[in-house]
N, C-alpha and C. Protein backbone atom coordinates (compact mmCIF):
# COMPACT_ATOMS: atom_id res chain seq x y z
N UNK A 1 18.17 3.56 -13.46
CA UNK A 1 17.16 4.60 -13.35
C UNK A 1 17.45 5.45 -12.13
N UNK A 2 17.40 6.77 -12.30
CA UNK A 2 17.61 7.67 -11.17
C UNK A 2 16.39 7.66 -10.28
N UNK A 3 16.62 7.56 -8.99
CA UNK A 3 15.52 7.59 -8.03
C UNK A 3 15.30 9.03 -7.61
N UNK A 4 14.05 9.47 -7.53
CA UNK A 4 13.78 10.84 -7.09
C UNK A 4 14.15 11.02 -5.63
N UNK A 5 14.59 12.22 -5.30
CA UNK A 5 14.88 12.52 -3.90
C UNK A 5 13.57 12.54 -3.14
N UNK A 6 13.61 12.33 -1.81
CA UNK A 6 12.37 12.34 -1.03
C UNK A 6 11.56 13.62 -1.21
N UNK A 7 12.25 14.78 -1.32
CA UNK A 7 11.51 16.03 -1.47
C UNK A 7 10.82 16.08 -2.82
N UNK A 8 11.45 15.58 -3.87
CA UNK A 8 10.81 15.54 -5.18
C UNK A 8 9.67 14.55 -5.19
N UNK A 9 9.86 13.40 -4.55
CA UNK A 9 8.83 12.38 -4.53
C UNK A 9 7.58 12.88 -3.82
N UNK A 10 7.73 13.64 -2.75
CA UNK A 10 6.56 14.11 -2.02
C UNK A 10 5.77 15.14 -2.82
N UNK A 11 6.40 15.79 -3.82
CA UNK A 11 5.70 16.76 -4.64
C UNK A 11 5.03 16.13 -5.85
N UNK A 12 5.33 14.87 -6.14
CA UNK A 12 4.72 14.21 -7.29
C UNK A 12 3.25 13.94 -7.02
N UNK A 13 2.45 13.93 -8.08
CA UNK A 13 1.06 13.57 -7.85
C UNK A 13 0.94 12.06 -7.71
N UNK A 14 -0.23 11.60 -7.30
CA UNK A 14 -0.43 10.18 -6.99
C UNK A 14 -0.11 9.28 -8.17
N UNK A 15 -0.54 9.66 -9.36
CA UNK A 15 -0.32 8.80 -10.53
C UNK A 15 1.17 8.59 -10.80
N UNK A 16 1.97 9.63 -10.61
CA UNK A 16 3.40 9.48 -10.83
C UNK A 16 4.06 8.66 -9.73
N UNK A 17 3.71 8.93 -8.48
CA UNK A 17 4.37 8.22 -7.38
C UNK A 17 3.96 6.76 -7.32
N UNK A 18 2.76 6.43 -7.78
CA UNK A 18 2.34 5.04 -7.75
C UNK A 18 3.07 4.21 -8.80
N UNK A 19 3.70 4.87 -9.78
CA UNK A 19 4.45 4.14 -10.81
C UNK A 19 5.79 3.66 -10.26
N UNK A 20 6.28 4.26 -9.21
CA UNK A 20 7.55 3.87 -8.61
C UNK A 20 7.30 2.73 -7.62
N UNK A 21 8.01 1.65 -7.78
CA UNK A 21 7.83 0.48 -6.93
C UNK A 21 9.13 0.18 -6.20
N UNK A 22 9.01 -0.32 -5.00
CA UNK A 22 10.14 -0.75 -4.20
C UNK A 22 9.84 -2.17 -3.73
N UNK A 23 10.79 -3.05 -3.87
CA UNK A 23 10.62 -4.41 -3.41
C UNK A 23 10.91 -4.46 -1.92
N UNK A 24 10.08 -5.20 -1.19
CA UNK A 24 10.22 -5.28 0.26
C UNK A 24 10.20 -6.75 0.66
N UNK A 25 11.14 -7.13 1.47
CA UNK A 25 11.18 -8.49 1.98
C UNK A 25 11.15 -8.43 3.50
N UNK A 26 10.27 -9.22 4.10
CA UNK A 26 10.15 -9.22 5.55
C UNK A 26 9.72 -10.60 6.04
N UNK A 27 9.95 -10.85 7.29
CA UNK A 27 9.47 -12.08 7.90
C UNK A 27 8.14 -11.79 8.58
N UNK A 28 7.20 -12.72 8.43
CA UNK A 28 5.90 -12.63 9.08
C UNK A 28 5.74 -13.79 10.04
N UNK A 29 4.95 -13.57 11.05
CA UNK A 29 4.61 -14.71 11.90
C UNK A 29 3.75 -15.66 11.07
N UNK A 30 3.76 -16.92 11.43
CA UNK A 30 2.96 -17.91 10.70
C UNK A 30 1.48 -17.56 10.77
N UNK A 31 1.04 -17.03 11.90
CA UNK A 31 -0.36 -16.65 12.07
C UNK A 31 -0.76 -15.55 11.08
N UNK A 32 0.08 -14.51 10.98
CA UNK A 32 -0.21 -13.43 10.03
C UNK A 32 -0.18 -13.94 8.60
N UNK A 33 0.80 -14.77 8.27
CA UNK A 33 0.89 -15.32 6.92
C UNK A 33 -0.35 -16.13 6.57
N UNK A 34 -0.76 -17.01 7.46
CA UNK A 34 -1.94 -17.85 7.19
C UNK A 34 -3.21 -17.01 7.07
N UNK A 35 -3.34 -15.99 7.90
CA UNK A 35 -4.50 -15.11 7.82
C UNK A 35 -4.51 -14.34 6.51
N UNK A 36 -3.35 -13.84 6.10
CA UNK A 36 -3.24 -13.13 4.83
C UNK A 36 -3.58 -14.06 3.67
N UNK A 37 -3.03 -15.26 3.68
CA UNK A 37 -3.28 -16.24 2.63
C UNK A 37 -4.76 -16.58 2.55
N UNK A 38 -5.39 -16.83 3.69
CA UNK A 38 -6.81 -17.17 3.72
C UNK A 38 -7.66 -16.01 3.19
N UNK A 39 -7.31 -14.79 3.59
CA UNK A 39 -8.05 -13.63 3.12
C UNK A 39 -7.95 -13.48 1.61
N UNK A 40 -6.74 -13.57 1.08
CA UNK A 40 -6.52 -13.42 -0.36
C UNK A 40 -7.24 -14.52 -1.14
N UNK A 41 -7.20 -15.74 -0.64
CA UNK A 41 -7.87 -16.84 -1.33
C UNK A 41 -9.39 -16.69 -1.33
N UNK A 42 -9.94 -16.07 -0.30
CA UNK A 42 -11.40 -15.92 -0.23
C UNK A 42 -11.90 -14.59 -0.80
N UNK A 43 -10.99 -13.72 -1.23
CA UNK A 43 -11.35 -12.42 -1.80
C UNK A 43 -10.61 -12.23 -3.12
N UNK A 44 -11.22 -12.63 -4.24
CA UNK A 44 -10.50 -12.65 -5.52
C UNK A 44 -10.07 -11.28 -6.05
N UNK A 45 -10.61 -10.19 -5.52
CA UNK A 45 -10.17 -8.87 -6.00
C UNK A 45 -8.91 -8.39 -5.26
N UNK A 46 -8.43 -9.17 -4.30
CA UNK A 46 -7.25 -8.81 -3.53
C UNK A 46 -6.10 -9.76 -3.85
N UNK A 47 -4.88 -9.27 -3.69
CA UNK A 47 -3.70 -10.12 -3.71
C UNK A 47 -2.80 -9.67 -2.56
N UNK A 48 -1.70 -10.38 -2.33
CA UNK A 48 -0.87 -10.06 -1.18
C UNK A 48 -0.26 -8.67 -1.27
N UNK A 49 -0.02 -8.18 -2.48
CA UNK A 49 0.57 -6.86 -2.65
C UNK A 49 -0.43 -5.77 -2.29
N UNK A 50 -1.64 -5.93 -2.77
CA UNK A 50 -2.69 -4.96 -2.46
C UNK A 50 -2.99 -4.94 -0.96
N UNK A 51 -3.02 -6.11 -0.35
CA UNK A 51 -3.27 -6.21 1.09
C UNK A 51 -2.18 -5.50 1.89
N UNK A 52 -0.93 -5.73 1.56
CA UNK A 52 0.18 -5.09 2.27
C UNK A 52 0.15 -3.57 2.06
N UNK A 53 -0.09 -3.12 0.80
CA UNK A 53 -0.19 -1.68 0.52
C UNK A 53 -1.30 -1.04 1.35
N UNK A 54 -2.45 -1.68 1.39
CA UNK A 54 -3.58 -1.15 2.14
C UNK A 54 -3.28 -1.11 3.63
N UNK A 55 -2.71 -2.19 4.15
CA UNK A 55 -2.39 -2.26 5.59
C UNK A 55 -1.37 -1.19 5.97
N UNK A 56 -0.34 -1.02 5.16
CA UNK A 56 0.68 -0.01 5.47
C UNK A 56 0.12 1.40 5.39
N UNK A 57 -0.68 1.67 4.36
CA UNK A 57 -1.28 3.00 4.22
C UNK A 57 -2.20 3.29 5.40
N UNK A 58 -3.00 2.31 5.80
CA UNK A 58 -3.89 2.48 6.94
C UNK A 58 -3.10 2.77 8.21
N UNK A 59 -2.07 1.97 8.46
CA UNK A 59 -1.24 2.17 9.65
C UNK A 59 -0.61 3.56 9.65
N UNK A 60 -0.04 3.96 8.52
CA UNK A 60 0.65 5.26 8.45
C UNK A 60 -0.32 6.43 8.66
N UNK A 61 -1.46 6.39 7.99
CA UNK A 61 -2.44 7.48 8.14
C UNK A 61 -2.95 7.56 9.58
N UNK A 62 -3.25 6.41 10.15
CA UNK A 62 -3.77 6.41 11.52
C UNK A 62 -2.72 6.80 12.55
N UNK A 63 -1.45 6.82 12.14
CA UNK A 63 -0.39 7.20 13.07
C UNK A 63 0.29 8.51 12.68
N UNK A 64 -0.44 9.36 11.95
CA UNK A 64 0.02 10.72 11.74
C UNK A 64 0.70 11.03 10.43
N UNK A 65 0.81 10.10 9.51
CA UNK A 65 1.43 10.39 8.22
C UNK A 65 0.57 11.40 7.46
N UNK A 66 1.20 12.43 6.93
CA UNK A 66 0.46 13.47 6.21
C UNK A 66 0.80 13.50 4.72
N UNK A 67 1.51 12.51 4.22
CA UNK A 67 1.86 12.45 2.80
C UNK A 67 0.58 12.24 1.98
N UNK A 68 0.34 13.11 1.01
CA UNK A 68 -0.89 13.04 0.22
C UNK A 68 -1.01 11.74 -0.56
N UNK A 69 0.08 11.19 -1.04
CA UNK A 69 0.02 9.93 -1.80
C UNK A 69 -0.41 8.78 -0.91
N UNK A 70 0.09 8.75 0.32
CA UNK A 70 -0.30 7.71 1.27
C UNK A 70 -1.77 7.87 1.64
N UNK A 71 -2.19 9.11 1.87
CA UNK A 71 -3.60 9.36 2.19
C UNK A 71 -4.51 8.95 1.05
N UNK A 72 -4.08 9.17 -0.17
CA UNK A 72 -4.90 8.78 -1.32
C UNK A 72 -5.04 7.26 -1.42
N UNK A 73 -3.96 6.53 -1.18
CA UNK A 73 -4.04 5.06 -1.17
C UNK A 73 -5.02 4.62 -0.09
N UNK A 74 -4.89 5.20 1.09
CA UNK A 74 -5.78 4.87 2.20
C UNK A 74 -7.25 5.14 1.84
N UNK A 75 -7.53 6.33 1.33
CA UNK A 75 -8.90 6.70 1.00
C UNK A 75 -9.46 5.87 -0.15
N UNK A 76 -8.63 5.57 -1.15
CA UNK A 76 -9.09 4.73 -2.26
C UNK A 76 -9.51 3.36 -1.75
N UNK A 77 -8.76 2.79 -0.84
CA UNK A 77 -9.10 1.47 -0.31
C UNK A 77 -10.29 1.54 0.63
N UNK A 78 -10.45 2.65 1.30
CA UNK A 78 -11.57 2.82 2.22
C UNK A 78 -12.89 2.91 1.46
N UNK A 79 -12.90 3.65 0.36
CA UNK A 79 -14.14 3.90 -0.36
C UNK A 79 -14.34 3.04 -1.61
N UNK A 80 -13.26 2.48 -2.15
CA UNK A 80 -13.37 1.58 -3.30
C UNK A 80 -12.46 0.38 -3.07
N UNK A 81 -12.81 -0.52 -2.16
CA UNK A 81 -11.91 -1.60 -1.76
C UNK A 81 -11.52 -2.56 -2.87
N UNK A 82 -12.24 -2.60 -3.97
CA UNK A 82 -11.85 -3.53 -5.04
C UNK A 82 -10.91 -2.89 -6.05
N UNK A 83 -10.62 -1.59 -5.90
CA UNK A 83 -9.75 -0.89 -6.85
C UNK A 83 -8.31 -1.35 -6.70
N UNK A 84 -7.65 -1.61 -7.81
CA UNK A 84 -6.25 -2.01 -7.80
C UNK A 84 -5.34 -0.81 -7.65
N UNK A 85 -4.09 -1.06 -7.21
CA UNK A 85 -3.09 0.00 -7.10
C UNK A 85 -2.42 0.20 -8.41
């Protein structure tokens, strides 16, 4: 599958850009992992993917990201926290 260039991706609307997924692998501290696990287990409308998406969108928006798709993810989680991605 051809990947869109960054300039094309930024012009896509939210519904189109949310269909594109990228796998991410990272190391977490044990404290962060346990906190994430506990949160997901006690909040059935959340999973680890939704939590990471929300955390990244929040971080990016609060640190100056102006991409409309990122802002939409942030706002959706802010006003409808049970909504899936």
